[in-house]
Structures are given as structure tokens and as C-alpha cells.
């Protein structure tokens, strides 16, 4: 299907890159006024006004911020194209569907593809979503509209908040005198993720809370006393790990 894209960011780039890899046609890209996104040239397609995009596309992807989806959906003129968006939290618009990639998407211009990605579907026209997933080498899961906020909260924990925890870890190491440990933290996190992936029981956790070493946990909390917000995050996560041992 000939895809028209509204938006010039990471999600637009991921879907557009996949379309190019598959050899499927791109109708063009519509951008907000004043946008400096180079996505059209990167995808080797054209920039079109919204009314023309609606006329020539068979499938329209709204790849903008969640807050702007409803506005752009209303601004699309009458069209025979099926409209979908890739938000993890918003439900489908204009009788179409939502298709959210469960992965952290690379920046615009970096290698990006939906291969081996779980695409989470909600809405109508499931056969189109299945065709996209099958051709892209992705997998498809379907959820009910009312479950999307819960699903997206889980996705945020699995991606955004992991990155936030790494920021905290890096700052604590730096304050302790260990500098330039960014790559080492990445390796540490990957080893923890690998352990979690291959272990379903309590062994998926390591560290003092998992060992029941309460004295070390308390020592850490005392060291974090001058950082109460971080101390609270530490305490809540430790309690989560302790509960998993039972």
C-alpha cells in the first residue's frame, strides 16, 4: 500500500525506512509548518501538503506527538486512505488502527527498521497490520483499547525508566570518584538484562536486596540520605526485589 506519512521524527523514520527496505511505495511526507526535518530527503520521497497526501496515499501514518494526534486526524480531509498512528497510549482515530513498535527507536537518520519488533495493534483493519508485520519480519500482538494506557506504562518502565536509572547510576559513580564508566555501566546493564531474560524465578535479580543483605541495603540508604528522591526510588525497588523472593 502507498504510505503517506505525517511527521518527521523517529517513528516516521522507522516506518518509512521499513517501507523503503520492503520496496513498498511512499506517497510522501507532510510536515508541520516550520519543520526543519530532513526526513523527506532521507527517505528519497517528496514533501506534500496534507490535502494532496490524503488524495494520493492508500495508507496514512500519523507519526506525531500524542498531544497532536487528534488535531492532525481532524485536519486530514476526506480520504479513502486508511489512517493509523503509532502511539502506545492513544487509541485509533478515524476508524483506523494504532500500531505501536515495542522498542526504543533510533534518532532520525540512524539505521532504523521494524524487523524483529513486536508491533502492538488496536483498532480496525487488522488484516493490514498483519500484512505490515509479516512483510517487515515483525510480530503482532493485539490489545483492547482500554488496555493501552496500562500497556504503555509497561513499555515506559522497560525503556525510558531504564535509561533514567542509568543516569542515576552514572551520577552516583561519578560522585564516588569513578569517572568515564559509561561503557562499563552499559555492559553491567546488559548482563543484568541477559540474566533476567534467561531466568524466570527469583534468580532474575542479583544484589543485596535479592540476597537478603539488609545491612548493605541500609548502608546504601544512609549514603543516599542527601538525595531523598533517589533514596526513595532505591527503597521502592529494593522492596520489589524482596517481595519477589517470597
C-alpha atoms as a PDB file:
ATOM      1  CA  UNK A   1       0.000   0.000   0.000  1.00  0.00           C
ATOM      2  CA  UNK A   2       1.210   3.504  -0.819  1.00  0.00           C
ATOM      3  CA  UNK A   3       2.106   5.104   2.506  1.00  0.00           C
ATOM      4  CA  UNK A   4       1.761   8.777   3.317  1.00  0.00           C
ATOM      5  CA  UNK A   5       3.492   9.936   6.497  1.00  0.00           C
ATOM      6  CA  UNK A   6       2.557  12.855   8.724  1.00  0.00           C
ATOM      7  CA  UNK A   7       5.539  13.752  10.901  1.00  0.00           C
ATOM      8  CA  UNK A   8       9.299  13.926  10.688  1.00  0.00           C
ATOM      9  CA  UNK A   9      10.653  12.215  13.805  1.00  0.00           C
ATOM     10  CA  UNK A  10      11.834   8.800  14.973  1.00  0.00           C
ATOM     11  CA  UNK A  11       8.608   6.868  14.427  1.00  0.00           C
ATOM     12  CA  UNK A  12       8.086   8.333  10.965  1.00  0.00           C
ATOM     13  CA  UNK A  13      11.671   7.402  10.147  1.00  0.00           C
ATOM     14  CA  UNK A  14      11.268   3.817  11.453  1.00  0.00           C
ATOM     15  CA  UNK A  15       8.144   3.118   9.394  1.00  0.00           C
ATOM     16  CA  UNK A  16       9.446   4.968   6.349  1.00  0.00           C
ATOM     17  CA  UNK A  17      12.748   3.080   6.475  1.00  0.00           C
ATOM     18  CA  UNK A  18      10.890  -0.203   6.683  1.00  0.00           C
ATOM     19  CA  UNK A  19       8.738   0.749   3.688  1.00  0.00           C
ATOM     20  CA  UNK A  20      11.879   1.502   1.692  1.00  0.00           C
ATOM     21  CA  UNK A  21      13.504  -1.809   2.661  1.00  0.00           C
ATOM     22  CA  UNK A  22      10.395  -3.675   1.524  1.00  0.00           C
ATOM     23  CA  UNK A  23      10.276  -1.770  -1.753  1.00  0.00           C
ATOM     24  CA  UNK A  24       6.772  -0.531  -0.958  1.00  0.00           C
ATOM     25  CA  UNK A  25       5.786   2.894  -2.364  1.00  0.00           C
ATOM     26  CA  UNK A  26       5.881   6.104  -0.355  1.00  0.00           C
ATOM     27  CA  UNK A  27       3.360   8.781  -1.322  1.00  0.00           C
ATOM     28  CA  UNK A  28       5.266  11.493   0.517  1.00  0.00           C
ATOM     29  CA  UNK A  29       5.620  13.248   3.853  1.00  0.00           C
ATOM     30  CA  UNK A  30       3.547  16.065   5.343  1.00  0.00           C
ATOM     31  CA  UNK A  31       5.274  18.203   7.977  1.00  0.00           C
ATOM     32  CA  UNK A  32       4.025  20.864  10.356  1.00  0.00           C
ATOM     33  CA  UNK A  33       4.641  24.471   9.359  1.00  0.00           C
ATOM     34  CA  UNK A  34       8.204  25.499  10.114  1.00  0.00           C
ATOM     35  CA  UNK A  35       9.539  21.953  10.476  1.00  0.00           C
ATOM     36  CA  UNK A  36      13.198  21.531   9.533  1.00  0.00           C
ATOM     37  CA  UNK A  37      13.053  17.728   9.480  1.00  0.00           C
ATOM     38  CA  UNK A  38      15.104  16.257   6.603  1.00  0.00           C
ATOM     39  CA  UNK A  39      13.045  13.063   6.581  1.00  0.00           C
ATOM     40  CA  UNK A  40      11.719  13.511   3.030  1.00  0.00           C
ATOM     41  CA  UNK A  41      15.212  13.668   1.538  1.00  0.00           C
ATOM     42  CA  UNK A  42      16.410  10.818   3.788  1.00  0.00           C
ATOM     43  CA  UNK A  43      13.550   8.645   2.538  1.00  0.00           C
ATOM     44  CA  UNK A  44      14.033   9.893  -1.018  1.00  0.00           C
ATOM     45  CA  UNK A  45      10.428  10.999  -1.258  1.00  0.00           C
ATOM     46  CA  UNK A  46       8.639  14.337  -1.521  1.00  0.00           C
ATOM     47  CA  UNK A  47       7.078  16.769   0.927  1.00  0.00           C
ATOM     48  CA  UNK A  48       3.373  17.225   0.267  1.00  0.00           C
ATOM     49  CA  UNK A  49       0.597  19.388   1.710  1.00  0.00           C
ATOM     50  CA  UNK A  50      -1.892  17.436   3.784  1.00  0.00           C
ATOM     51  CA  UNK A  51      -4.703  17.622   1.250  1.00  0.00           C
ATOM     52  CA  UNK A  52      -2.562  16.171  -1.536  1.00  0.00           C
ATOM     53  CA  UNK A  53      -1.195  13.461   0.756  1.00  0.00           C
ATOM     54  CA  UNK A  54      -4.778  12.447   1.575  1.00  0.00           C
ATOM     55  CA  UNK A  55      -5.554  12.249  -2.141  1.00  0.00           C
ATOM     56  CA  UNK A  56      -2.633  10.072  -3.282  1.00  0.00           C
ATOM     57  CA  UNK A  57      -1.959   7.805  -0.273  1.00  0.00           C
ATOM     58  CA  UNK A  58      -3.691   4.485   0.399  1.00  0.00           C
ATOM     59  CA  UNK A  59      -2.475   4.346   3.980  1.00  0.00           C
ATOM     60  CA  UNK A  60      -1.688   7.382   6.160  1.00  0.00           C
ATOM     61  CA  UNK A  61       0.555   7.182   9.210  1.00  0.00           C
ATOM     62  CA  UNK A  62       0.190   9.931  11.811  1.00  0.00           C
ATOM     63  CA  UNK A  63       3.609   9.911  13.482  1.00  0.00           C
ATOM     64  CA  UNK A  64       3.477  12.963  15.743  1.00  0.00           C
ATOM     65  CA  UNK A  65       3.355  13.563  19.489  1.00  0.00           C
ATOM     66  CA  UNK A  66       0.409  12.041  21.344  1.00  0.00           C
ATOM     67  CA  UNK A  67      -0.973  15.508  22.074  1.00  0.00           C
ATOM     68  CA  UNK A  68      -1.088  16.356  18.361  1.00  0.00           C
ATOM     69  CA  UNK A  69      -2.641  13.140  17.004  1.00  0.00           C
ATOM     70  CA  UNK A  70      -6.283  14.202  17.382  1.00  0.00           C
ATOM     71  CA  UNK A  71      -5.599  17.582  15.764  1.00  0.00           C
ATOM     72  CA  UNK A  72      -3.892  16.067  12.726  1.00  0.00           C
ATOM     73  CA  UNK A  73      -6.606  13.409  12.441  1.00  0.00           C
ATOM     74  CA  UNK A  74      -9.215  16.173  12.199  1.00  0.00           C
ATOM     75  CA  UNK A  75      -7.150  18.129   9.675  1.00  0.00           C
ATOM     76  CA  UNK A  76      -6.912  15.249   7.194  1.00  0.00           C
ATOM     77  CA  UNK A  77      -9.537  15.968   4.525  1.00  0.00           C
ATOM     78  CA  UNK A  78     -11.972  13.273   3.395  1.00  0.00           C
ATOM     79  CA  UNK A  79      -9.902  10.385   2.041  1.00  0.00           C
ATOM     80  CA  UNK A  80     -10.174   6.765   1.018  1.00  0.00           C
ATOM     81  CA  UNK A  81      -6.884   6.073   2.788  1.00  0.00           C
ATOM     82  CA  UNK A  82      -6.847   4.036   5.990  1.00  0.00           C
ATOM     83  CA  UNK A  83      -5.468   6.178   8.808  1.00  0.00           C
ATOM     84  CA  UNK A  84      -3.290   4.756  11.567  1.00  0.00           C
ATOM     85  CA  UNK A  85      -0.875   6.063  14.166  1.00  0.00           C
ATOM     86  CA  UNK A  86       1.964   4.561  16.172  1.00  0.00           C
ATOM     87  CA  UNK A  87       1.258   5.886  19.663  1.00  0.00           C
ATOM     88  CA  UNK A  88       1.498   3.404  22.512  1.00  0.00           C
ATOM     89  CA  UNK A  89      -1.057   5.203  24.678  1.00  0.00           C
ATOM     90  CA  UNK A  90      -3.642   6.702  22.280  1.00  0.00           C
ATOM     91  CA  UNK A  91      -6.416   4.667  20.697  1.00  0.00           C
ATOM     92  CA  UNK A  92      -7.164   4.585  16.980  1.00  0.00           C
ATOM     93  CA  UNK A  93      -8.716   7.501  15.086  1.00  0.00           C
ATOM     94  CA  UNK A  94     -10.956   7.869  12.031  1.00  0.00           C
ATOM     95  CA  UNK A  95     -11.928   4.195  12.006  1.00  0.00           C
ATOM     96  CA  UNK A  96      -8.337   3.076  11.502  1.00  0.00           C
ATOM     97  CA  UNK A  97      -5.880   1.466  13.879  1.00  0.00           C
ATOM     98  CA  UNK A  98      -2.883   2.040  16.086  1.00  0.00           C
ATOM     99  CA  UNK A  99       0.346   0.098  15.658  1.00  0.00           C
ATOM    100  CA  UNK A 100       2.969   0.703  18.334  1.00  0.00           C
ATOM    101  CA  UNK A 101       6.509  -0.685  17.988  1.00  0.00           C
ATOM    102  CA  UNK A 102       7.674  -2.074  21.346  1.00  0.00           C
ATOM    103  CA  UNK A 103      11.235  -0.846  21.043  1.00  0.00           C
ATOM    104  CA  UNK A 104      13.338   2.254  21.528  1.00  0.00           C
ATOM    105  CA  UNK A 105      13.512   3.903  18.115  1.00  0.00           C
ATOM    106  CA  UNK A 106      16.852   5.318  16.877  1.00  0.00           C
ATOM    107  CA  UNK A 107      17.215   9.011  16.022  1.00  0.00           C
ATOM    108  CA  UNK A 108      16.296  10.329  12.609  1.00  0.00           C
ATOM    109  CA  UNK A 109      18.903   9.291  10.047  1.00  0.00           C
ATOM    110  CA  UNK A 110      20.351   6.415  12.110  1.00  0.00           C
ATOM    111  CA  UNK A 111      19.807   2.828  10.890  1.00  0.00           C
ATOM    112  CA  UNK A 112      16.208   2.000  11.772  1.00  0.00           C
ATOM    113  CA  UNK A 113      13.933  -0.882  10.911  1.00  0.00           C
ATOM    114  CA  UNK A 114      10.946  -2.743  12.369  1.00  0.00           C
ATOM    115  CA  UNK A 115      12.397  -6.187  11.762  1.00  0.00           C
ATOM    116  CA  UNK A 116      12.131  -8.462  14.839  1.00  0.00           C
ATOM    117  CA  UNK A 117       9.936  -5.871  16.601  1.00  0.00           C
ATOM    118  CA  UNK A 118       6.691  -6.596  18.434  1.00  0.00           C
ATOM    119  CA  UNK A 119       4.014  -4.373  16.863  1.00  0.00           C
ATOM    120  CA  UNK A 120       1.077  -3.883  19.222  1.00  0.00           C
ATOM    121  CA  UNK A 121      -2.195  -3.433  17.353  1.00  0.00           C
ATOM    122  CA  UNK A 122      -5.529  -1.913  18.381  1.00  0.00           C
ATOM    123  CA  UNK A 123      -8.482  -0.910  16.221  1.00  0.00           C
ATOM    124  CA  UNK A 124      -9.870  -1.954  12.837  1.00  0.00           C
ATOM    125  CA  UNK A 125      -8.292  -3.280   9.619  1.00  0.00           C
ATOM    126  CA  UNK A 126      -6.250  -5.932  11.409  1.00  0.00           C
ATOM    127  CA  UNK A 127      -5.506  -7.581   8.088  1.00  0.00           C
ATOM    128  CA  UNK A 128      -3.480  -4.517   7.054  1.00  0.00           C
ATOM    129  CA  UNK A 129      -1.498  -4.590  10.294  1.00  0.00           C
ATOM    130  CA  UNK A 130      -0.860  -8.308   9.817  1.00  0.00           C
ATOM    131  CA  UNK A 131       0.381  -7.657   6.295  1.00  0.00           C
ATOM    132  CA  UNK A 132       2.764  -4.948   7.521  1.00  0.00           C
ATOM    133  CA  UNK A 133       4.105  -7.111  10.350  1.00  0.00           C
ATOM    134  CA  UNK A 134       4.523 -10.175   8.161  1.00  0.00           C
ATOM    135  CA  UNK A 135       6.355  -8.357   5.394  1.00  0.00           C
ATOM    136  CA  UNK A 136       8.565  -6.449   7.837  1.00  0.00           C
ATOM    137  CA  UNK A 137       9.612  -9.590   9.702  1.00  0.00           C
ATOM    138  CA  UNK A 138       7.912  -8.289  12.844  1.00  0.00           C
ATOM    139  CA  UNK A 139       5.447  -9.912  15.249  1.00  0.00           C
ATOM    140  CA  UNK A 140       1.925  -8.707  16.005  1.00  0.00           C
ATOM    141  CA  UNK A 141       0.028  -8.575  19.298  1.00  0.00           C
ATOM    142  CA  UNK A 142      -3.495  -7.220  19.755  1.00  0.00           C
ATOM    143  CA  UNK A 143      -4.834  -5.396  22.813  1.00  0.00           C
ATOM    144  CA  UNK A 144      -8.176  -3.815  23.710  1.00  0.00           C
ATOM    145  CA  UNK A 145      -8.443  -0.010  23.543  1.00  0.00           C
ATOM    146  CA  UNK A 146      -8.976   0.373  27.290  1.00  0.00           C
ATOM    147  CA  UNK A 147      -5.751  -1.551  27.989  1.00  0.00           C
ATOM    148  CA  UNK A 148      -3.486   0.802  26.064  1.00  0.00           C
ATOM    149  CA  UNK A 149      -2.534   3.101  28.982  1.00  0.00           C
ATOM    150  CA  UNK A 150      -1.523   0.105  31.099  1.00  0.00           C
ATOM    151  CA  UNK A 151       0.410  -1.399  28.206  1.00  0.00           C
ATOM    152  CA  UNK A 152       2.210   1.862  27.510  1.00  0.00           C
ATOM    153  CA  UNK A 153       3.112   2.319  31.171  1.00  0.00           C
ATOM    154  CA  UNK A 154       4.819  -1.078  30.982  1.00  0.00           C
ATOM    155  CA  UNK A 155       6.686  -0.013  27.858  1.00  0.00           C
ATOM    156  CA  UNK A 156       7.871   3.170  29.593  1.00  0.00           C
ATOM    157  CA  UNK A 157       9.212   1.139  32.518  1.00  0.00           C
ATOM    158  CA  UNK A 158      11.016  -1.160  30.088  1.00  0.00           C
ATOM    159  CA  UNK A 159      12.712   1.637  28.135  1.00  0.00           C
ATOM    160  CA  UNK A 160      12.545   5.248  29.317  1.00  0.00           C
ATOM    161  CA  UNK A 161      12.870   4.453  33.015  1.00  0.00           C
ATOM    162  CA  UNK A 162      15.756   2.072  32.422  1.00  0.00           C
ATOM    163  CA  UNK A 163      17.563   4.993  30.782  1.00  0.00           C
ATOM    164  CA  UNK A 164      16.645   7.236  33.734  1.00  0.00           C
ATOM    165  CA  UNK A 165      18.052   4.662  36.180  1.00  0.00           C
ATOM    166  CA  UNK A 166      21.262   4.550  34.163  1.00  0.00           C
ATOM    167  CA  UNK A 167      21.518   8.323  34.506  1.00  0.00           C
ATOM    168  CA  UNK A 168      21.199   7.931  38.289  1.00  0.00           C
ATOM    169  CA  UNK A 169      23.786   5.146  38.360  1.00  0.00           C
ATOM    170  CA  UNK A 170      26.235   7.195  36.310  1.00  0.00           C
ATOM    171  CA  UNK A 171      25.838  10.230  38.585  1.00  0.00           C
ATOM    172  CA  UNK A 172      26.401   8.148  41.750  1.00  0.00           C
ATOM    173  CA  UNK A 173      29.524   6.530  40.325  1.00  0.00           C
ATOM    174  CA  UNK A 174      30.831   9.919  39.249  1.00  0.00           C
ATOM    175  CA  UNK A 175      30.185  11.409  42.706  1.00  0.00           C
ATOM    176  CA  UNK A 176      32.004   8.432  44.236  1.00  0.00           C
ATOM    177  CA  UNK A 177      35.041   9.202  42.091  1.00  0.00           C
ATOM    178  CA  UNK A 178      34.554   6.675  39.284  1.00  0.00           C
ATOM    179  CA  UNK A 179      34.526   8.649  36.042  1.00  0.00           C
ATOM    180  CA  UNK A 180      34.278   7.585  32.398  1.00  0.00           C
ATOM    181  CA  UNK A 181      32.327   4.450  33.367  1.00  0.00           C
ATOM    182  CA  UNK A 182      29.535   4.887  30.812  1.00  0.00           C
ATOM    183  CA  UNK A 183      30.522   1.865  28.702  1.00  0.00           C
ATOM    184  CA  UNK A 184      31.011  -0.220  31.832  1.00  0.00           C
ATOM    185  CA  UNK A 185      27.512   0.675  33.020  1.00  0.00           C
ATOM    186  CA  UNK A 186      26.144  -0.354  29.635  1.00  0.00           C
ATOM    187  CA  UNK A 187      27.914  -3.719  29.975  1.00  0.00           C
ATOM    188  CA  UNK A 188      26.613  -4.110  33.548  1.00  0.00           C
ATOM    189  CA  UNK A 189      23.049  -3.361  32.462  1.00  0.00           C
ATOM    190  CA  UNK A 190      23.256  -5.740  29.515  1.00  0.00           C
ATOM    191  CA  UNK A 191      24.459  -8.525  31.801  1.00  0.00           C
ATOM    192  CA  UNK A 192      21.530  -7.850  34.149  1.00  0.00           C
ATOM    193  CA  UNK A 193      19.067  -7.857  31.231  1.00  0.00           C
ATOM    194  CA  UNK A 194      20.550 -11.117  29.903  1.00  0.00           C
ATOM    195  CA  UNK A 195      20.192 -12.686  33.345  1.00  0.00           C
ATOM    196  CA  UNK A 196      16.586 -11.503  33.602  1.00  0.00           C
ATOM    197  CA  UNK A 197      15.805 -12.859  30.119  1.00  0.00           C
ATOM    198  CA  UNK A 198      17.051 -16.383  30.817  1.00  0.00           C
ATOM    199  CA  UNK A 199      15.769 -16.676  34.400  1.00  0.00           C
ATOM    200  CA  UNK A 200      12.088 -16.678  35.335  1.00  0.00           C
ATOM    201  CA  UNK A 201      12.342 -17.204  39.100  1.00  0.00           C
ATOM    202  CA  UNK A 202      13.816 -15.095  41.925  1.00  0.00           C
ATOM    203  CA  UNK A 203      17.253 -15.679  40.374  1.00  0.00           C
ATOM    204  CA  UNK A 204      16.422 -12.993  37.801  1.00  0.00           C
ATOM    205  CA  UNK A 205      17.549 -10.490  40.459  1.00  0.00           C
ATOM    206  CA  UNK A 206      21.014 -10.075  41.938  1.00  0.00           C
ATOM    207  CA  UNK A 207      22.462  -7.731  44.559  1.00  0.00           C
ATOM    208  CA  UNK A 208      21.920  -7.112  48.277  1.00  0.00           C
ATOM    209  CA  UNK A 209      18.105  -6.979  48.244  1.00  0.00           C
ATOM    210  CA  UNK A 210      17.988 -10.296  46.364  1.00  0.00           C
ATOM    211  CA  UNK A 211      20.454 -11.863  48.860  1.00  0.00           C
ATOM    212  CA  UNK A 212      18.562 -10.577  51.877  1.00  0.00           C
ATOM    213  CA  UNK A 213      21.553  -8.478  52.917  1.00  0.00           C
ATOM    214  CA  UNK A 214      19.561  -5.872  54.833  1.00  0.00           C
ATOM    215  CA  UNK A 215      22.654  -4.283  56.379  1.00  0.00           C
ATOM    216  CA  UNK A 216      24.016  -3.347  52.947  1.00  0.00           C
ATOM    217  CA  UNK A 217      20.645  -2.003  51.854  1.00  0.00           C
ATOM    218  CA  UNK A 218      20.530   0.207  54.942  1.00  0.00           C
ATOM    219  CA  UNK A 219      24.105   1.331  54.288  1.00  0.00           C
ATOM    220  CA  UNK A 220      23.108   2.385  50.779  1.00  0.00           C
ATOM    221  CA  UNK A 221      20.077   4.289  52.069  1.00  0.00           C
ATOM    222  CA  UNK A 222      22.264   6.175  54.556  1.00  0.00           C
ATOM    223  CA  UNK A 223      24.680   7.066  51.755  1.00  0.00           C
ATOM    224  CA  UNK A 224      21.736   8.389  49.727  1.00  0.00           C
ATOM    225  CA  UNK A 225      20.250  10.417  52.596  1.00  0.00           C
ATOM    226  CA  UNK A 226      21.286  13.699  50.970  1.00  0.00           C
ATOM    227  CA  UNK A 227      19.456  12.600  47.818  1.00  0.00           C
ATOM    228  CA  UNK A 228      15.981  11.783  49.200  1.00  0.00           C
ATOM    229  CA  UNK A 229      14.283  11.269  45.834  1.00  0.00           C
ATOM    230  CA  UNK A 230      16.930   8.780  44.712  1.00  0.00           C
ATOM    231  CA  UNK A 231      16.824   7.110  48.138  1.00  0.00           C
ATOM    232  CA  UNK A 232      13.059   6.628  47.749  1.00  0.00           C
ATOM    233  CA  UNK A 233      13.491   5.085  44.301  1.00  0.00           C
ATOM    234  CA  UNK A 234      16.140   2.746  45.756  1.00  0.00           C
ATOM    235  CA  UNK A 235      13.884   1.749  48.665  1.00  0.00           C
ATOM    236  CA  UNK A 236      10.869   1.015  46.463  1.00  0.00           C
ATOM    237  CA  UNK A 237      12.892  -1.095  44.025  1.00  0.00           C
ATOM    238  CA  UNK A 238      14.541  -2.984  46.898  1.00  0.00           C
ATOM    239  CA  UNK A 239      11.105  -3.764  48.328  1.00  0.00           C
ATOM    240  CA  UNK A 240      10.004  -5.034  44.920  1.00  0.00           C
ATOM    241  CA  UNK A 241      13.008  -7.392  44.770  1.00  0.00           C
ATOM    242  CA  UNK A 242      12.450  -8.596  48.355  1.00  0.00           C
ATOM    243  CA  UNK A 243       8.804  -9.362  47.556  1.00  0.00           C
ATOM    244  CA  UNK A 244       9.918 -11.457  44.560  1.00  0.00           C
ATOM    245  CA  UNK A 245      11.947 -13.709  46.859  1.00  0.00           C
ATOM    246  CA  UNK A 246       8.841 -14.817  48.756  1.00  0.00           C
END
